[in-house]
Amino acid sequence: MQSSHRKKGIRARRGFSLIEIVVAVAIIAMISAAITVAVINIAIHEKVELTKTNAETIRAAVKIWWATSNDAACPTIPMLIADGALDRGKSTQTDGWGQPWQIKCDASDATVVSRGPDKLPDTEDDIRVPPS
């Protein structure tokens, strides 16, 4: 008789209850959400850093263009590409969010501006090289 009671007790403990399964699924969902948020934040940060690097490259190309041309005007991206100061590529045509670069010249210096993640001009998330 005792052996049949023990077997029933063992059988009852073999499976998981619905509450245990729901708790496990909830924990996995929370971990997945946290990882997703972290990956998205890293991707945004990397896009900002790449945009800064591309803006520095364009600024250097402006300085090369000024040194090699007889023109003191503020060049545009197409002018820099046409004269060979800047390589043709997607990153030179638009910033990380698909917006056109802005080159602003003042005397002998140039500032390259990206509208940033919000794609709106003159907001606090704009990327400027050099920073103002």
N, C-alpha and C. Protein backbone atom coordinates (compact mmCIF):
# COMPACT_ATOMS: atom_id res chain seq x y z
N MET A 1 0.78 -1.18 0.00
CA MET A 1 0.00 0.00 0.00
C MET A 1 0.84 1.27 0.00
N GLN A 2 1.87 1.26 0.77
CA GLN A 2 2.73 2.43 0.82
C GLN A 2 3.37 2.71 -0.53
N SER A 3 3.74 1.69 -1.24
CA SER A 3 4.39 1.90 -2.54
C SER A 3 3.44 2.55 -3.53
N SER A 4 2.14 2.25 -3.46
CA SER A 4 1.20 2.89 -4.38
C SER A 4 1.02 4.37 -4.03
N HIS A 5 1.10 4.74 -2.74
CA HIS A 5 1.02 6.15 -2.35
C HIS A 5 2.25 6.91 -2.81
N ARG A 6 3.39 6.28 -2.71
CA ARG A 6 4.63 6.93 -3.16
C ARG A 6 4.60 7.16 -4.66
N LYS A 7 4.10 6.21 -5.42
CA LYS A 7 4.04 6.36 -6.87
C LYS A 7 3.09 7.50 -7.25
N LYS A 8 1.96 7.62 -6.57
CA LYS A 8 1.05 8.71 -6.85
C LYS A 8 1.71 10.05 -6.55
N GLY A 9 2.44 10.14 -5.47
CA GLY A 9 3.13 11.38 -5.10
C GLY A 9 4.20 11.73 -6.12
N ILE A 10 4.90 10.76 -6.63
CA ILE A 10 5.94 11.00 -7.63
C ILE A 10 5.30 11.44 -8.94
N ARG A 11 4.23 10.79 -9.34
CA ARG A 11 3.55 11.17 -10.58
C ARG A 11 3.03 12.60 -10.51
N ALA A 12 2.53 13.00 -9.39
CA ALA A 12 1.97 14.34 -9.24
C ALA A 12 3.06 15.40 -9.35
N ARG A 13 4.27 15.09 -9.03
CA ARG A 13 5.36 16.06 -9.04
C ARG A 13 6.12 16.07 -10.36
N ARG A 14 5.84 15.20 -11.28
CA ARG A 14 6.60 15.13 -12.53
C ARG A 14 6.39 16.35 -13.42
N GLY A 15 5.21 16.87 -13.56
CA GLY A 15 4.92 17.97 -14.48
C GLY A 15 5.05 19.33 -13.82
N PHE A 16 4.91 20.36 -14.65
CA PHE A 16 4.93 21.74 -14.15
C PHE A 16 3.51 22.25 -14.08
N SER A 17 3.27 23.12 -13.11
CA SER A 17 1.93 23.71 -13.03
C SER A 17 1.84 24.86 -14.04
N LEU A 18 0.65 25.26 -14.35
CA LEU A 18 0.43 26.34 -15.30
C LEU A 18 1.06 27.64 -14.79
N ILE A 19 1.01 27.87 -13.52
CA ILE A 19 1.60 29.08 -12.94
C ILE A 19 3.11 29.08 -13.12
N GLU A 20 3.76 27.95 -12.91
CA GLU A 20 5.20 27.88 -13.11
C GLU A 20 5.58 28.15 -14.56
N ILE A 21 4.81 27.65 -15.49
CA ILE A 21 5.08 27.88 -16.91
C ILE A 21 4.89 29.35 -17.25
N VAL A 22 3.82 29.96 -16.76
CA VAL A 22 3.56 31.38 -17.02
C VAL A 22 4.67 32.25 -16.45
N VAL A 23 5.13 31.95 -15.26
CA VAL A 23 6.22 32.71 -14.63
C VAL A 23 7.50 32.57 -15.46
N ALA A 24 7.81 31.36 -15.91
CA ALA A 24 9.01 31.15 -16.72
C ALA A 24 8.92 31.92 -18.03
N VAL A 25 7.78 31.89 -18.68
CA VAL A 25 7.59 32.63 -19.94
C VAL A 25 7.71 34.14 -19.69
N ALA A 26 7.15 34.63 -18.60
CA ALA A 26 7.24 36.05 -18.27
C ALA A 26 8.68 36.48 -18.04
N ILE A 27 9.45 35.66 -17.36
CA ILE A 27 10.87 35.97 -17.11
C ILE A 27 11.63 36.01 -18.43
N ILE A 28 11.40 35.04 -19.28
CA ILE A 28 12.07 35.01 -20.59
C ILE A 28 11.68 36.24 -21.41
N ALA A 29 10.42 36.64 -21.37
CA ALA A 29 9.96 37.82 -22.11
C ALA A 29 10.64 39.09 -21.59
N MET A 30 10.79 39.22 -20.28
CA MET A 30 11.45 40.40 -19.71
C MET A 30 12.92 40.45 -20.10
N ILE A 31 13.59 39.32 -20.07
CA ILE A 31 14.99 39.27 -20.48
C ILE A 31 15.12 39.62 -21.95
N SER A 32 14.25 39.09 -22.78
CA SER A 32 14.28 39.40 -24.22
C SER A 32 14.05 40.88 -24.48
N ALA A 33 13.12 41.47 -23.76
CA ALA A 33 12.84 42.90 -23.93
C ALA A 33 14.05 43.75 -23.53
N ALA A 34 14.70 43.38 -22.45
CA ALA A 34 15.88 44.13 -22.00
C ALA A 34 17.01 44.03 -23.02
N ILE A 35 17.21 42.86 -23.57
CA ILE A 35 18.26 42.68 -24.59
C ILE A 35 17.92 43.48 -25.84
N THR A 36 16.67 43.48 -26.25
CA THR A 36 16.26 44.23 -27.44
C THR A 36 16.50 45.72 -27.24
N VAL A 37 16.14 46.26 -26.10
CA VAL A 37 16.37 47.68 -25.82
C VAL A 37 17.86 47.99 -25.85
N ALA A 38 18.69 47.13 -25.27
CA ALA A 38 20.13 47.35 -25.26
C ALA A 38 20.70 47.34 -26.68
N VAL A 39 20.25 46.41 -27.51
CA VAL A 39 20.74 46.32 -28.88
C VAL A 39 20.32 47.55 -29.68
N ILE A 40 19.10 48.01 -29.50
CA ILE A 40 18.63 49.21 -30.22
C ILE A 40 19.45 50.43 -29.80
N ASN A 41 19.72 50.57 -28.52
CA ASN A 41 20.53 51.70 -28.05
C ASN A 41 21.94 51.64 -28.61
N ILE A 42 22.51 50.47 -28.70
CA ILE A 42 23.85 50.32 -29.27
C ILE A 42 23.83 50.69 -30.75
N ALA A 43 22.81 50.27 -31.47
CA ALA A 43 22.71 50.58 -32.90
C ALA A 43 22.58 52.09 -33.12
N ILE A 44 21.80 52.76 -32.30
CA ILE A 44 21.66 54.21 -32.43
C ILE A 44 22.99 54.89 -32.14
N HIS A 45 23.67 54.46 -31.10
CA HIS A 45 24.97 55.05 -30.75
C HIS A 45 25.98 54.84 -31.89
N GLU A 46 25.99 53.65 -32.47
CA GLU A 46 26.93 53.38 -33.56
C GLU A 46 26.62 54.24 -34.78
N LYS A 47 25.35 54.47 -35.07
CA LYS A 47 24.97 55.31 -36.21
C LYS A 47 25.42 56.75 -35.98
N VAL A 48 25.30 57.23 -34.75
CA VAL A 48 25.76 58.58 -34.42
C VAL A 48 27.28 58.67 -34.59
N GLU A 49 27.99 57.68 -34.09
CA GLU A 49 29.45 57.70 -34.21
C GLU A 49 29.91 57.64 -35.67
N LEU A 50 29.25 56.81 -36.48
CA LEU A 50 29.59 56.72 -37.90
C LEU A 50 29.30 58.04 -38.60
N THR A 51 28.20 58.69 -38.25
CA THR A 51 27.86 59.98 -38.84
C THR A 51 28.91 61.02 -38.47
N LYS A 52 29.38 61.02 -37.23
CA LYS A 52 30.44 61.95 -36.83
C LYS A 52 31.71 61.71 -37.64
N THR A 53 32.07 60.45 -37.82
CA THR A 53 33.27 60.11 -38.59
C THR A 53 33.13 60.57 -40.04
N ASN A 54 31.97 60.34 -40.64
CA ASN A 54 31.75 60.77 -42.02
C ASN A 54 31.78 62.29 -42.13
N ALA A 55 31.25 63.00 -41.14
CA ALA A 55 31.28 64.46 -41.15
C ALA A 55 32.72 64.97 -41.06
N GLU A 56 33.55 64.31 -40.26
CA GLU A 56 34.96 64.69 -40.17
C GLU A 56 35.66 64.47 -41.51
N THR A 57 35.32 63.39 -42.20
CA THR A 57 35.90 63.12 -43.52
C THR A 57 35.49 64.20 -44.52
N ILE A 58 34.24 64.59 -44.50
CA ILE A 58 33.77 65.64 -45.41
C ILE A 58 34.45 66.96 -45.09
N ARG A 59 34.61 67.26 -43.82
CA ARG A 59 35.29 68.51 -43.43
C ARG A 59 36.73 68.52 -43.92
N ALA A 60 37.40 67.39 -43.79
CA ALA A 60 38.78 67.30 -44.30
C ALA A 60 38.80 67.47 -45.81
N ALA A 61 37.80 66.93 -46.51
CA ALA A 61 37.73 67.07 -47.95
C ALA A 61 37.53 68.54 -48.35
N VAL A 62 36.76 69.29 -47.56
CA VAL A 62 36.58 70.72 -47.83
C VAL A 62 37.92 71.43 -47.74
N LYS A 63 38.70 71.10 -46.73
CA LYS A 63 40.01 71.75 -46.57
C LYS A 63 40.95 71.37 -47.71
N ILE A 64 40.90 70.11 -48.15
CA ILE A 64 41.70 69.70 -49.30
C ILE A 64 41.25 70.46 -50.55
N TRP A 65 39.95 70.58 -50.73
CA TRP A 65 39.40 71.28 -51.90
C TRP A 65 39.86 72.73 -51.92
N TRP A 66 39.82 73.39 -50.75
CA TRP A 66 40.29 74.77 -50.68
C TRP A 66 41.77 74.88 -51.02
N ALA A 67 42.57 73.90 -50.57
CA ALA A 67 44.01 73.94 -50.82
C ALA A 67 44.36 73.68 -52.29
N THR A 68 43.54 72.89 -52.97
CA THR A 68 43.88 72.51 -54.35
C THR A 68 43.13 73.30 -55.42
N SER A 69 42.09 74.01 -55.04
CA SER A 69 41.35 74.78 -56.05
C SER A 69 41.61 76.26 -55.83
N ASN A 70 41.29 77.02 -56.83
CA ASN A 70 41.45 78.47 -56.73
C ASN A 70 40.17 79.14 -56.27
N ASP A 71 39.24 78.36 -55.79
CA ASP A 71 37.94 78.86 -55.40
C ASP A 71 37.86 78.96 -53.88
N ALA A 72 37.46 80.11 -53.38
CA ALA A 72 37.34 80.30 -51.93
C ALA A 72 35.91 80.12 -51.46
N ALA A 73 35.03 79.71 -52.37
CA ALA A 73 33.62 79.54 -52.02
C ALA A 73 33.44 78.31 -51.12
N CYS A 74 32.25 78.17 -50.60
CA CYS A 74 31.92 77.00 -49.78
C CYS A 74 31.48 75.89 -50.73
N PRO A 75 32.22 74.80 -50.78
CA PRO A 75 31.88 73.75 -51.74
C PRO A 75 30.66 72.93 -51.30
N THR A 76 30.06 72.28 -52.26
CA THR A 76 28.97 71.34 -51.99
C THR A 76 29.52 69.93 -52.12
N ILE A 77 28.77 68.95 -51.68
CA ILE A 77 29.20 67.55 -51.80
C ILE A 77 29.48 67.20 -53.27
N PRO A 78 28.57 67.54 -54.21
CA PRO A 78 28.86 67.22 -55.62
C PRO A 78 30.15 67.86 -56.13
N MET A 79 30.44 69.09 -55.68
CA MET A 79 31.68 69.75 -56.10
C MET A 79 32.90 69.00 -55.55
N LEU A 80 32.83 68.57 -54.30
CA LEU A 80 33.94 67.83 -53.68
C LEU A 80 34.17 66.51 -54.40
N ILE A 81 33.10 65.84 -54.77
CA ILE A 81 33.23 64.55 -55.48
C ILE A 81 33.77 64.78 -56.88
N ALA A 82 33.24 65.79 -57.58
CA ALA A 82 33.67 66.06 -58.96
C ALA A 82 35.14 66.42 -59.04
N ASP A 83 35.64 67.13 -58.05
CA ASP A 83 37.05 67.54 -58.05
C ASP A 83 37.97 66.50 -57.42
N GLY A 84 37.44 65.39 -56.94
CA GLY A 84 38.26 64.31 -56.39
C GLY A 84 38.68 64.49 -54.95
N ALA A 85 38.16 65.49 -54.26
CA ALA A 85 38.52 65.69 -52.86
C ALA A 85 37.78 64.72 -51.95
N LEU A 86 36.69 64.15 -52.46
CA LEU A 86 35.87 63.24 -51.67
C LEU A 86 35.45 62.07 -52.55
N ASP A 87 35.54 60.87 -52.00
CA ASP A 87 35.12 59.68 -52.73
C ASP A 87 33.60 59.63 -52.82
N ARG A 88 33.14 59.08 -53.94
CA ARG A 88 31.70 58.90 -54.11
C ARG A 88 31.27 57.71 -53.26
N GLY A 89 30.21 57.86 -52.54
CA GLY A 89 29.69 56.77 -51.72
C GLY A 89 28.43 57.22 -51.04
N LYS A 90 27.68 56.27 -50.52
CA LYS A 90 26.41 56.61 -49.87
C LYS A 90 26.64 57.50 -48.65
N SER A 91 27.69 57.24 -47.90
CA SER A 91 27.93 58.02 -46.68
C SER A 91 28.34 59.46 -46.99
N THR A 92 28.84 59.71 -48.20
CA THR A 92 29.17 61.08 -48.55
C THR A 92 27.98 61.82 -49.13
N GLN A 93 27.00 61.09 -49.62
CA GLN A 93 25.81 61.72 -50.19
C GLN A 93 24.82 62.14 -49.11
N THR A 94 24.60 61.25 -48.15
CA THR A 94 23.64 61.52 -47.08
C THR A 94 24.22 61.06 -45.74
N ASP A 95 23.61 61.56 -44.67
CA ASP A 95 24.05 61.14 -43.34
C ASP A 95 23.46 59.78 -42.99
N GLY A 96 23.62 59.35 -41.76
CA GLY A 96 23.16 58.03 -41.33
C GLY A 96 21.65 57.85 -41.37
N TRP A 97 20.91 58.93 -41.49
CA TRP A 97 19.45 58.86 -41.51
C TRP A 97 18.88 59.24 -42.88
N GLY A 98 19.76 59.24 -43.90
CA GLY A 98 19.33 59.50 -45.27
C GLY A 98 19.07 60.96 -45.58
N GLN A 99 19.54 61.86 -44.74
CA GLN A 99 19.34 63.30 -44.95
C GLN A 99 20.60 63.89 -45.58
N PRO A 100 20.45 64.94 -46.40
CA PRO A 100 21.63 65.54 -47.02
C PRO A 100 22.51 66.25 -45.99
N TRP A 101 23.81 66.22 -46.25
CA TRP A 101 24.75 66.95 -45.40
C TRP A 101 24.62 68.44 -45.66
N GLN A 102 24.93 69.24 -44.67
CA GLN A 102 25.03 70.68 -44.83
C GLN A 102 26.47 71.07 -44.55
N ILE A 103 27.05 71.86 -45.44
CA ILE A 103 28.39 72.39 -45.22
C ILE A 103 28.24 73.89 -45.06
N LYS A 104 28.71 74.38 -43.93
CA LYS A 104 28.65 75.82 -43.64
C LYS A 104 30.07 76.33 -43.53
N CYS A 105 30.40 77.34 -44.31
CA CYS A 105 31.76 77.87 -44.33
C CYS A 105 31.79 79.25 -43.70
N ASP A 106 32.87 79.50 -42.96
CA ASP A 106 33.07 80.79 -42.32
C ASP A 106 34.56 81.10 -42.40
N ALA A 107 34.92 82.09 -43.20
CA ALA A 107 36.31 82.48 -43.42
C ALA A 107 37.11 81.26 -43.89
N SER A 108 38.01 80.76 -43.07
CA SER A 108 38.85 79.63 -43.49
C SER A 108 38.49 78.34 -42.76
N ASP A 109 37.28 78.25 -42.26
CA ASP A 109 36.86 77.05 -41.56
C ASP A 109 35.52 76.58 -42.09
N ALA A 110 35.28 75.28 -41.94
CA ALA A 110 34.02 74.69 -42.41
C ALA A 110 33.41 73.87 -41.29
N THR A 111 32.10 73.89 -41.23
CA THR A 111 31.36 73.07 -40.29
C THR A 111 30.44 72.17 -41.10
N VAL A 112 30.47 70.88 -40.81
CA VAL A 112 29.61 69.91 -41.48
C VAL A 112 28.51 69.54 -40.49
N VAL A 113 27.26 69.59 -40.97
CA VAL A 113 26.12 69.39 -40.09
C VAL A 113 25.23 68.27 -40.62
N SER A 114 24.83 67.39 -39.71
CA SER A 114 23.82 66.37 -39.96
C SER A 114 22.62 66.72 -39.12
N ARG A 115 21.44 66.49 -39.64
CA ARG A 115 20.22 66.80 -38.88
C ARG A 115 20.00 65.84 -37.71
N GLY A 116 20.69 64.74 -37.67
CA GLY A 116 20.59 63.82 -36.55
C GLY A 116 19.40 62.89 -36.64
N PRO A 117 19.18 62.12 -35.59
CA PRO A 117 18.12 61.10 -35.60
C PRO A 117 16.71 61.63 -35.83
N ASP A 118 16.42 62.85 -35.39
CA ASP A 118 15.05 63.36 -35.58
C ASP A 118 14.82 63.94 -36.97
N LYS A 119 15.88 64.09 -37.75
CA LYS A 119 15.83 64.57 -39.14
C LYS A 119 15.31 66.00 -39.27
N LEU A 120 15.31 66.75 -38.17
CA LEU A 120 14.85 68.14 -38.19
C LEU A 120 16.05 69.07 -38.05
N PRO A 121 16.06 70.16 -38.82
CA PRO A 121 17.20 71.08 -38.73
C PRO A 121 17.19 71.89 -37.43
N ASP A 122 18.38 72.24 -36.98
CA ASP A 122 18.57 73.13 -35.83
C ASP A 122 17.90 72.64 -34.55
N THR A 123 18.07 71.37 -34.26
CA THR A 123 17.60 70.82 -32.99
C THR A 123 18.81 70.34 -32.20
N GLU A 124 18.58 69.98 -30.95
CA GLU A 124 19.71 69.63 -30.08
C GLU A 124 20.39 68.30 -30.45
N ASP A 125 19.74 67.47 -31.25
CA ASP A 125 20.39 66.20 -31.62
C ASP A 125 21.18 66.30 -32.92
N ASP A 126 21.27 67.50 -33.50
CA ASP A 126 22.07 67.68 -34.70
C ASP A 126 23.53 67.34 -34.40
N ILE A 127 24.20 66.80 -35.40
CA ILE A 127 25.60 66.44 -35.26
C ILE A 127 26.41 67.47 -36.03
N ARG A 128 27.31 68.16 -35.34
CA ARG A 128 28.14 69.21 -35.94
C ARG A 128 29.60 68.85 -35.78
N VAL A 129 30.34 69.02 -36.86
CA VAL A 129 31.78 68.81 -36.82
C VAL A 129 32.45 70.03 -37.43
N PRO A 130 33.26 70.76 -36.68
CA PRO A 130 33.53 70.60 -35.26
C PRO A 130 32.32 71.04 -34.43
N PRO A 131 32.24 70.52 -33.20
CA PRO A 131 31.11 70.89 -32.35
C PRO A 131 31.14 72.40 -32.05
N SER A 132 29.98 73.00 -31.97
CA SER A 132 29.95 74.44 -31.68
C SER A 132 29.78 74.72 -30.22
